[in-house]
Amino acid sequence: MNTQVQIGEKRRESRRQISGSVRVHFSNPMLIEIKGRLIDISSSGFRMVHGYASLATGQVVDFKHMEATGRARVMWNRILEESVETGFLVLNP
């Protein structure tokens, strides 16, 4: 029996590739600031690559990049060999 699983695109919004710097920060209890590079953005979120492996799913951070400033929730992390990729949902855009 040959079973193939197809994985389709699950994103509900289109994303636009972008290059630029992004900063996120939070208090836990000390202020931690993470500097990274934007990968893409959508109307309700963004994705960045950085070097901080301790962001937790569900954590709320303040952010600033070239197109927006505000608060966002960490939706997922992908820890790669030399970097971390994180997807964020912007809260109250």
N, C-alpha and C. Protein backbone atom coordinates (compact mmCIF):
# COMPACT_ATOMS: atom_id res chain seq x y z
N MET A 1 0.84 -1.18 0.00
CA MET A 1 0.00 0.00 0.00
C MET A 1 0.89 1.24 0.00
N ASN A 2 0.68 2.10 -0.95
CA ASN A 2 1.49 3.31 -1.09
C ASN A 2 0.65 4.50 -0.66
N THR A 3 0.97 5.06 0.49
CA THR A 3 0.23 6.20 1.02
C THR A 3 1.09 7.44 0.92
N GLN A 4 0.58 8.44 0.28
CA GLN A 4 1.30 9.70 0.19
C GLN A 4 0.54 10.76 0.96
N VAL A 5 1.28 11.53 1.71
CA VAL A 5 0.69 12.63 2.47
C VAL A 5 1.08 13.91 1.77
N GLN A 6 0.11 14.72 1.45
CA GLN A 6 0.40 16.01 0.84
C GLN A 6 0.22 17.10 1.88
N ILE A 7 1.24 17.92 1.97
CA ILE A 7 1.19 19.04 2.91
C ILE A 7 0.97 20.29 2.09
N GLY A 8 -0.15 20.95 2.30
CA GLY A 8 -0.45 22.16 1.56
C GLY A 8 -0.14 23.41 2.35
N GLU A 9 -0.22 24.50 1.69
CA GLU A 9 -0.01 25.80 2.32
C GLU A 9 -1.15 26.05 3.29
N LYS A 10 -0.82 26.36 4.54
CA LYS A 10 -1.82 26.58 5.57
C LYS A 10 -2.00 28.05 5.92
N ARG A 11 -1.18 28.90 5.35
CA ARG A 11 -1.28 30.33 5.66
C ARG A 11 -2.58 30.89 5.10
N ARG A 12 -3.21 31.74 5.87
CA ARG A 12 -4.47 32.36 5.46
C ARG A 12 -4.25 33.69 4.76
N GLU A 13 -3.06 34.26 4.95
CA GLU A 13 -2.74 35.56 4.36
C GLU A 13 -1.48 35.42 3.50
N SER A 14 -1.42 36.26 2.50
CA SER A 14 -0.19 36.26 1.70
C SER A 14 0.90 36.96 2.49
N ARG A 15 2.11 36.53 2.25
CA ARG A 15 3.27 37.12 2.90
C ARG A 15 4.13 37.81 1.87
N ARG A 16 4.79 38.85 2.31
CA ARG A 16 5.66 39.61 1.43
C ARG A 16 7.08 39.54 1.97
N GLN A 17 7.99 39.09 1.13
CA GLN A 17 9.38 39.04 1.56
C GLN A 17 9.89 40.45 1.78
N ILE A 18 10.71 40.59 2.82
CA ILE A 18 11.24 41.90 3.17
C ILE A 18 12.59 41.69 3.83
N SER A 19 13.44 42.64 3.68
CA SER A 19 14.75 42.57 4.32
C SER A 19 14.94 43.82 5.14
N GLY A 20 15.34 43.66 6.35
CA GLY A 20 15.57 44.81 7.23
C GLY A 20 15.76 44.32 8.65
N SER A 21 16.09 45.24 9.51
CA SER A 21 16.32 44.88 10.90
C SER A 21 15.02 44.92 11.69
N VAL A 22 14.98 44.14 12.74
CA VAL A 22 13.84 44.12 13.66
C VAL A 22 14.39 43.93 15.07
N ARG A 23 13.72 44.56 16.01
CA ARG A 23 14.08 44.41 17.42
C ARG A 23 12.84 44.00 18.19
N VAL A 24 13.01 43.04 19.06
CA VAL A 24 11.95 42.68 19.99
C VAL A 24 12.53 42.75 21.39
N HIS A 25 11.69 43.11 22.35
CA HIS A 25 12.16 43.15 23.73
C HIS A 25 11.02 42.78 24.67
N PHE A 26 11.42 42.29 25.84
CA PHE A 26 10.47 41.89 26.88
C PHE A 26 11.20 41.91 28.21
N SER A 27 10.46 41.89 29.30
CA SER A 27 11.04 41.84 30.64
C SER A 27 10.75 40.48 31.25
N ASN A 28 11.80 39.87 31.84
CA ASN A 28 11.62 38.52 32.37
C ASN A 28 12.60 38.21 33.49
N PRO A 29 12.71 38.83 34.61
CA PRO A 29 12.23 40.15 34.98
C PRO A 29 13.12 41.27 34.44
N MET A 30 14.33 40.94 33.98
CA MET A 30 15.20 41.97 33.42
C MET A 30 14.85 42.19 31.95
N LEU A 31 15.14 43.38 31.45
CA LEU A 31 14.87 43.70 30.05
C LEU A 31 15.81 42.90 29.15
N ILE A 32 15.22 42.21 28.19
CA ILE A 32 15.99 41.46 27.19
C ILE A 32 15.61 42.01 25.83
N GLU A 33 16.61 42.40 25.03
CA GLU A 33 16.38 42.90 23.69
C GLU A 33 17.03 41.95 22.69
N ILE A 34 16.29 41.59 21.66
CA ILE A 34 16.78 40.69 20.62
C ILE A 34 16.79 41.44 19.31
N LYS A 35 17.93 41.46 18.67
CA LYS A 35 18.06 42.09 17.35
C LYS A 35 18.10 40.99 16.31
N GLY A 36 17.36 41.20 15.23
CA GLY A 36 17.33 40.19 14.19
C GLY A 36 17.06 40.78 12.83
N ARG A 37 16.79 39.90 11.87
CA ARG A 37 16.54 40.29 10.48
C ARG A 37 15.17 39.80 10.06
N LEU A 38 14.39 40.69 9.48
CA LEU A 38 13.08 40.31 8.96
C LEU A 38 13.23 39.38 7.77
N ILE A 39 12.33 38.41 7.68
CA ILE A 39 12.29 37.51 6.54
C ILE A 39 11.08 37.83 5.67
N ASP A 40 9.91 37.95 6.33
CA ASP A 40 8.70 38.33 5.61
C ASP A 40 7.68 38.91 6.58
N ILE A 41 6.66 39.56 6.01
CA ILE A 41 5.59 40.15 6.81
C ILE A 41 4.26 39.88 6.13
N SER A 42 3.19 39.96 6.92
CA SER A 42 1.82 39.89 6.41
C SER A 42 1.03 40.95 7.14
N SER A 43 -0.26 41.02 6.88
CA SER A 43 -1.06 42.04 7.56
C SER A 43 -1.21 41.76 9.06
N SER A 44 -0.98 40.53 9.49
CA SER A 44 -1.16 40.24 10.92
C SER A 44 0.08 39.64 11.59
N GLY A 45 1.21 39.60 10.91
CA GLY A 45 2.37 39.02 11.55
C GLY A 45 3.66 39.24 10.78
N PHE A 46 4.72 38.66 11.31
CA PHE A 46 6.02 38.73 10.65
C PHE A 46 6.88 37.56 11.10
N ARG A 47 7.93 37.33 10.34
CA ARG A 47 8.87 36.26 10.64
C ARG A 47 10.27 36.87 10.66
N MET A 48 11.06 36.45 11.64
CA MET A 48 12.42 36.98 11.76
C MET A 48 13.40 35.87 12.05
N VAL A 49 14.67 36.13 11.76
CA VAL A 49 15.75 35.23 12.12
C VAL A 49 16.65 35.97 13.09
N HIS A 50 17.13 35.26 14.12
CA HIS A 50 17.91 35.88 15.19
C HIS A 50 18.75 34.81 15.89
N GLY A 51 19.38 35.17 16.97
CA GLY A 51 20.26 34.24 17.67
C GLY A 51 19.84 33.88 19.08
N TYR A 52 18.60 34.19 19.47
CA TYR A 52 18.14 33.96 20.85
C TYR A 52 17.22 32.75 20.89
N ALA A 53 17.68 31.64 21.43
CA ALA A 53 16.92 30.38 21.39
C ALA A 53 15.90 30.22 22.51
N SER A 54 15.76 31.19 23.39
CA SER A 54 14.88 31.02 24.55
C SER A 54 13.52 31.70 24.47
N LEU A 55 13.14 32.21 23.30
CA LEU A 55 11.79 32.75 23.17
C LEU A 55 10.80 31.58 23.29
N ALA A 56 9.75 31.78 24.05
CA ALA A 56 8.78 30.71 24.26
C ALA A 56 7.51 30.96 23.46
N THR A 57 6.94 29.90 22.92
CA THR A 57 5.66 30.00 22.23
C THR A 57 4.63 30.59 23.19
N GLY A 58 3.89 31.58 22.72
CA GLY A 58 2.89 32.26 23.55
C GLY A 58 3.41 33.51 24.23
N GLN A 59 4.70 33.69 24.28
CA GLN A 59 5.30 34.85 24.93
C GLN A 59 4.93 36.13 24.16
N VAL A 60 4.65 37.20 24.88
CA VAL A 60 4.32 38.48 24.28
C VAL A 60 5.53 39.40 24.38
N VAL A 61 5.84 40.05 23.25
CA VAL A 61 6.99 40.94 23.18
C VAL A 61 6.57 42.26 22.56
N ASP A 62 7.37 43.28 22.77
CA ASP A 62 7.24 44.53 22.04
C ASP A 62 8.20 44.44 20.86
N PHE A 63 7.81 45.02 19.71
CA PHE A 63 8.67 44.93 18.54
C PHE A 63 8.71 46.25 17.79
N LYS A 64 9.73 46.37 16.95
CA LYS A 64 9.86 47.53 16.07
C LYS A 64 10.63 47.09 14.83
N HIS A 65 10.02 47.33 13.67
CA HIS A 65 10.73 47.15 12.41
C HIS A 65 10.33 48.28 11.48
N MET A 66 10.83 48.30 10.26
CA MET A 66 10.67 49.45 9.37
C MET A 66 9.22 49.76 8.99
N GLU A 67 8.32 48.80 9.14
CA GLU A 67 6.94 49.03 8.74
C GLU A 67 5.94 49.09 9.88
N ALA A 68 6.35 48.69 11.09
CA ALA A 68 5.39 48.69 12.20
C ALA A 68 6.11 48.65 13.54
N THR A 69 5.37 49.05 14.56
CA THR A 69 5.80 48.99 15.95
C THR A 69 4.60 48.53 16.75
N GLY A 70 4.82 47.72 17.76
CA GLY A 70 3.70 47.27 18.58
C GLY A 70 4.05 46.09 19.45
N ARG A 71 3.00 45.29 19.72
CA ARG A 71 3.16 44.07 20.54
C ARG A 71 2.83 42.87 19.67
N ALA A 72 3.51 41.76 19.95
CA ALA A 72 3.28 40.55 19.16
C ALA A 72 3.44 39.32 20.06
N ARG A 73 2.79 38.25 19.65
CA ARG A 73 2.88 36.98 20.36
C ARG A 73 3.73 36.00 19.55
N VAL A 74 4.63 35.30 20.22
CA VAL A 74 5.44 34.27 19.57
C VAL A 74 4.53 33.09 19.25
N MET A 75 4.44 32.74 17.96
CA MET A 75 3.58 31.63 17.54
C MET A 75 4.36 30.33 17.37
N TRP A 76 5.60 30.43 16.93
CA TRP A 76 6.43 29.24 16.75
C TRP A 76 7.90 29.64 16.64
N ASN A 77 8.76 28.68 16.90
CA ASN A 77 10.20 28.83 16.74
C ASN A 77 10.74 27.64 15.96
N ARG A 78 11.71 27.91 15.13
CA ARG A 78 12.44 26.85 14.43
C ARG A 78 13.91 27.08 14.75
N ILE A 79 14.48 26.18 15.54
CA ILE A 79 15.87 26.32 15.93
C ILE A 79 16.72 25.61 14.88
N LEU A 80 17.53 26.39 14.22
CA LEU A 80 18.40 25.89 13.16
C LEU A 80 19.82 25.74 13.71
N GLU A 81 20.72 25.27 12.90
CA GLU A 81 22.08 25.02 13.36
C GLU A 81 22.76 26.27 13.92
N GLU A 82 22.63 27.40 13.22
CA GLU A 82 23.32 28.60 13.65
C GLU A 82 22.41 29.79 13.92
N SER A 83 21.10 29.60 13.88
CA SER A 83 20.18 30.71 14.11
C SER A 83 18.82 30.16 14.54
N VAL A 84 17.93 31.08 14.85
CA VAL A 84 16.56 30.75 15.24
C VAL A 84 15.63 31.54 14.34
N GLU A 85 14.59 30.90 13.85
CA GLU A 85 13.56 31.57 13.05
C GLU A 85 12.29 31.57 13.90
N THR A 86 11.63 32.72 14.01
CA THR A 86 10.45 32.85 14.85
C THR A 86 9.34 33.53 14.06
N GLY A 87 8.13 33.00 14.22
CA GLY A 87 6.94 33.61 13.63
C GLY A 87 6.14 34.31 14.71
N PHE A 88 5.68 35.53 14.42
CA PHE A 88 4.96 36.36 15.37
C PHE A 88 3.57 36.72 14.84
N LEU A 89 2.60 36.80 15.74
CA LEU A 89 1.27 37.34 15.45
C LEU A 89 1.20 38.71 16.08
N VAL A 90 0.94 39.74 15.28
CA VAL A 90 0.84 41.10 15.81
C VAL A 90 -0.48 41.23 16.57
N LEU A 91 -0.41 41.78 17.77
CA LEU A 91 -1.59 41.98 18.62
C LEU A 91 -2.12 43.38 18.40
N ASN A 92 -3.40 43.52 18.13
CA ASN A 92 -4.04 44.81 17.88
C ASN A 92 -3.30 45.66 16.86
N PRO A 93 -3.22 45.17 15.62
CA PRO A 93 -2.46 45.93 14.60
C PRO A 93 -3.05 47.30 14.34
